[in-house]
């Protein structure tokens, strides 16, 4: 029993695999849908998720008016 994968369909669906997309959620909230900027994403995937590492930088997280972090 094997998976039936159409490479050319995946290539078309994912823009020739040239533009990776990362979705980062904090407490169930998608950061993409806020004013917070995400940059310099680095992923190191291993054979198991428990040993994988993801690092990223967040921008626009501090409110100068409240003198506190927004998130």
N, C-alpha and C. Protein backbone atom coordinates (compact mmCIF):
# COMPACT_ATOMS: atom_id res chain seq x y z
N UNK A 1 0.84 -1.17 0.00
CA UNK A 1 0.00 0.00 0.00
C UNK A 1 0.90 1.24 0.00
N UNK A 2 0.82 2.06 -1.01
CA UNK A 2 1.67 3.24 -1.10
C UNK A 2 0.85 4.48 -1.38
N UNK A 3 1.48 5.61 -1.17
CA UNK A 3 0.83 6.89 -1.44
C UNK A 3 0.92 7.19 -2.92
N UNK A 4 -0.14 7.74 -3.46
CA UNK A 4 -0.17 8.12 -4.87
C UNK A 4 0.10 9.62 -4.95
N UNK A 5 1.35 9.99 -5.26
CA UNK A 5 1.76 11.39 -5.27
C UNK A 5 2.08 11.83 -6.68
N UNK A 6 1.51 12.95 -7.09
CA UNK A 6 1.79 13.54 -8.40
C UNK A 6 2.77 14.69 -8.19
N UNK A 7 4.05 14.46 -8.47
CA UNK A 7 5.08 15.45 -8.24
C UNK A 7 4.79 16.74 -9.00
N UNK A 8 4.35 16.65 -10.23
CA UNK A 8 4.12 17.86 -11.04
C UNK A 8 2.97 18.69 -10.49
N UNK A 9 1.95 18.05 -9.92
CA UNK A 9 0.87 18.79 -9.28
C UNK A 9 1.39 19.50 -8.03
N UNK A 10 2.20 18.83 -7.23
CA UNK A 10 2.79 19.46 -6.05
C UNK A 10 3.69 20.62 -6.45
N UNK A 11 4.45 20.44 -7.52
CA UNK A 11 5.34 21.49 -8.01
C UNK A 11 4.53 22.73 -8.39
N UNK A 12 3.41 22.53 -9.05
CA UNK A 12 2.54 23.65 -9.43
C UNK A 12 1.89 24.28 -8.21
N UNK A 13 1.39 23.46 -7.29
CA UNK A 13 0.70 23.97 -6.09
C UNK A 13 1.63 24.76 -5.18
N UNK A 14 2.90 24.42 -5.15
CA UNK A 14 3.85 25.04 -4.24
C UNK A 14 4.89 25.91 -4.96
N UNK A 15 4.49 26.54 -6.05
CA UNK A 15 5.32 27.51 -6.78
C UNK A 15 6.72 26.98 -7.05
N UNK A 16 6.77 25.77 -7.59
CA UNK A 16 8.04 25.15 -7.95
C UNK A 16 8.97 24.98 -6.73
N UNK A 17 8.36 24.90 -5.54
CA UNK A 17 9.08 24.71 -4.27
C UNK A 17 10.09 25.83 -3.99
N UNK A 18 9.83 27.01 -4.50
CA UNK A 18 10.77 28.11 -4.33
C UNK A 18 10.41 29.04 -3.18
N UNK A 19 9.17 29.06 -2.72
CA UNK A 19 8.74 29.98 -1.68
C UNK A 19 8.19 29.22 -0.48
N UNK A 20 9.05 28.84 0.44
CA UNK A 20 8.54 28.12 1.61
C UNK A 20 7.67 29.04 2.45
N UNK A 21 6.69 28.47 3.11
CA UNK A 21 5.78 29.23 3.95
C UNK A 21 5.85 28.68 5.36
N UNK A 22 5.95 29.58 6.31
CA UNK A 22 6.01 29.20 7.71
C UNK A 22 4.83 29.83 8.42
N UNK A 23 4.12 29.05 9.20
CA UNK A 23 3.03 29.57 10.03
C UNK A 23 3.44 29.39 11.48
N UNK A 24 3.49 30.50 12.21
CA UNK A 24 3.87 30.46 13.62
C UNK A 24 2.67 30.85 14.46
N UNK A 25 2.33 29.99 15.40
CA UNK A 25 1.21 30.24 16.31
C UNK A 25 1.73 30.37 17.73
N UNK A 26 1.20 31.35 18.46
CA UNK A 26 1.50 31.52 19.87
C UNK A 26 0.18 31.47 20.61
N UNK A 27 0.04 30.50 21.49
CA UNK A 27 -1.19 30.28 22.25
C UNK A 27 -2.40 30.21 21.32
N UNK A 28 -2.23 29.52 20.20
CA UNK A 28 -3.32 29.31 19.25
C UNK A 28 -3.61 30.48 18.32
N UNK A 29 -2.86 31.58 18.43
CA UNK A 29 -3.06 32.75 17.57
C UNK A 29 -1.99 32.77 16.49
N UNK A 30 -2.42 32.92 15.26
CA UNK A 30 -1.50 32.99 14.13
C UNK A 30 -0.84 34.36 14.10
N UNK A 31 0.48 34.40 14.20
CA UNK A 31 1.22 35.66 14.21
C UNK A 31 1.08 36.39 12.87
N UNK A 32 0.89 35.67 11.78
CA UNK A 32 0.72 36.30 10.46
C UNK A 32 -0.45 37.28 10.44
N UNK A 33 -1.43 37.07 11.27
CA UNK A 33 -2.63 37.89 11.26
C UNK A 33 -2.54 39.05 12.25
N UNK A 34 -1.33 39.43 12.62
CA UNK A 34 -1.12 40.54 13.55
C UNK A 34 -0.08 41.48 12.97
N UNK A 35 0.26 42.52 13.72
CA UNK A 35 1.27 43.47 13.28
C UNK A 35 2.69 43.00 13.58
N UNK A 36 2.80 41.85 14.21
CA UNK A 36 4.11 41.32 14.55
C UNK A 36 4.80 40.79 13.30
N UNK A 37 6.05 41.16 13.11
CA UNK A 37 6.81 40.68 11.97
C UNK A 37 7.65 39.48 12.35
N UNK A 38 7.78 38.55 11.43
CA UNK A 38 8.59 37.35 11.64
C UNK A 38 9.74 37.39 10.65
N UNK A 39 10.94 37.14 11.12
CA UNK A 39 12.08 37.14 10.22
C UNK A 39 13.12 36.13 10.62
N UNK A 40 14.00 35.84 9.70
CA UNK A 40 15.13 34.95 9.91
C UNK A 40 14.70 33.62 10.52
N UNK A 41 13.86 32.92 9.82
CA UNK A 41 13.38 31.61 10.26
C UNK A 41 14.43 30.56 9.91
N UNK A 42 14.76 29.73 10.88
CA UNK A 42 15.74 28.66 10.68
C UNK A 42 15.16 27.36 11.22
N UNK A 43 15.04 26.36 10.37
CA UNK A 43 14.50 25.06 10.76
C UNK A 43 15.55 23.98 10.56
N UNK A 44 15.66 23.12 11.54
CA UNK A 44 16.54 21.96 11.42
C UNK A 44 15.69 20.74 11.74
N UNK A 45 15.29 20.03 10.68
CA UNK A 45 14.43 18.87 10.85
C UNK A 45 15.26 17.60 10.87
N UNK A 46 14.96 16.75 11.82
CA UNK A 46 15.64 15.48 11.93
C UNK A 46 14.64 14.36 11.67
N UNK A 47 15.02 13.16 11.94
CA UNK A 47 14.13 12.04 11.67
C UNK A 47 12.92 12.01 12.59
N UNK A 48 12.98 12.70 13.72
CA UNK A 48 11.84 12.76 14.63
C UNK A 48 11.62 14.19 15.09
N UNK A 49 10.37 14.60 15.24
CA UNK A 49 10.06 15.98 15.62
C UNK A 49 10.64 16.33 17.00
N UNK A 50 10.77 15.35 17.88
CA UNK A 50 11.25 15.65 19.22
C UNK A 50 12.70 16.15 19.22
N UNK A 51 13.45 15.91 18.17
CA UNK A 51 14.84 16.36 18.09
C UNK A 51 15.01 17.52 17.12
N UNK A 52 13.94 18.02 16.53
CA UNK A 52 14.02 19.11 15.56
C UNK A 52 14.08 20.46 16.29
N UNK A 53 14.61 21.46 15.60
CA UNK A 53 14.76 22.79 16.19
C UNK A 53 14.19 23.83 15.22
N UNK A 54 13.49 24.81 15.77
CA UNK A 54 13.02 25.95 14.99
C UNK A 54 13.35 27.22 15.76
N UNK A 55 14.00 28.16 15.09
CA UNK A 55 14.28 29.46 15.70
C UNK A 55 13.80 30.55 14.75
N UNK A 56 13.38 31.67 15.31
CA UNK A 56 12.91 32.80 14.50
C UNK A 56 12.98 34.06 15.33
N UNK A 57 13.00 35.20 14.66
CA UNK A 57 13.00 36.50 15.31
C UNK A 57 11.64 37.15 15.13
N UNK A 58 11.18 37.83 16.17
CA UNK A 58 9.91 38.56 16.12
C UNK A 58 10.20 40.05 16.21
N UNK A 59 9.49 40.83 15.40
CA UNK A 59 9.65 42.28 15.37
C UNK A 59 8.31 42.95 15.69
N UNK A 60 8.36 44.19 16.14
CA UNK A 60 7.16 44.97 16.49
C UNK A 60 6.38 44.33 17.64
N UNK A 61 7.08 43.86 18.64
CA UNK A 61 6.40 43.19 19.75
C UNK A 61 6.30 44.07 20.99
N UNK A 62 7.00 45.19 21.02
CA UNK A 62 7.00 46.05 22.20
C UNK A 62 6.20 47.31 21.94
N UNK A 63 5.27 47.63 22.83
CA UNK A 63 4.44 48.83 22.71
C UNK A 63 5.10 49.96 23.50
N UNK A 64 5.49 51.01 22.80
CA UNK A 64 6.11 52.16 23.47
C UNK A 64 5.10 52.92 24.32
N UNK A 65 3.82 52.88 23.94
CA UNK A 65 2.79 53.58 24.72
C UNK A 65 2.52 52.88 26.05
N UNK A 66 2.50 51.55 26.04
CA UNK A 66 2.19 50.76 27.25
C UNK A 66 3.45 50.37 28.02
N UNK A 67 4.62 50.56 27.40
CA UNK A 67 5.88 50.09 27.97
C UNK A 67 5.80 48.61 28.34
N UNK A 68 5.26 47.83 27.41
CA UNK A 68 5.10 46.40 27.64
C UNK A 68 5.09 45.68 26.30
N UNK A 69 5.33 44.37 26.37
CA UNK A 69 5.23 43.56 25.16
C UNK A 69 3.77 43.31 24.83
N UNK A 70 3.42 43.38 23.55
CA UNK A 70 2.04 43.18 23.14
C UNK A 70 1.60 41.73 23.23
N UNK A 71 2.53 40.82 23.10
CA UNK A 71 2.16 39.41 23.13
C UNK A 71 2.49 38.82 24.46
